[in-house]
Amino acid sequence: MGEPEERKEPGEPRNAGEPRNAGQPRNAGELAELVEWVALIDACVEPLAYPPVDLGDPDWIRKMRELPSPLDVAGIRAEAEAALRDVLSRYEEGDEDVRVSLRALLERCRRFGRETTLPFEPTPHGFRQWLLRISVEDQGLDTRDMMVDLNDLCGRARHAGVAIRPLLLEVAGLSSDVDKYGMGSTRYILLRAAGREPCGLW
């Protein structure tokens, strides 16, 4: 599948005198466009995520690990990272309805969420971005994977000298309180990590 068409800026007219998402509030229109954009990226990378594998090749595991990311194969890494930043920004700044919508978006577009990452920055802002991503993904397919990632993130924050407890508490306040898989809600897990000394899950 080819690259997605060039994205217009939110609110940019499709044609002269024709506003994008006419009749909707500006923010609602921009959110709707972001949802469409993430879904398009997800559709582009999904067919590339499962390349043919020769299981008869004794070296197939190493070769699989060395395969390029579907985002790089499709040539849309920059677009995907920009979309993820937009998701995290709107998640942090929006109300609960916006956050519910964005959690549902990543629930539908799992390939986008799995393949798209941001460069790691060992700063308070960088850790907040990673915590926001944990929050919006809302445990993904497996709470255990999320907990391992969160515990590792807390360890990296300690190593970088970043006080992660205020960030954990802040992002917990934005997170879902729904216990999806019987291991606690994302909010509960973040609060649990913040309540330990040092911060973490184990």
Foldseek 3Di string as FASTA:
>chain_A
DADDDDDDQQQDAPDVPHTQPPPDPSVVSNLVSLLVLLVVVLVQQVVVPDDDFDPVPPCRVVVVVPDDHSCVVNVNLVVLQVSLVVLLVCLLPDDLVSLVVLLVSCLVSVSSLVRHDDDADLEQVRLLSVLSSLQSVWCPPHVVVSQVVQQVSLVSNVVSVHQCLVSLQSSLVSHDQDPDPPPGTSSVSSVCQSPDVVRGDD
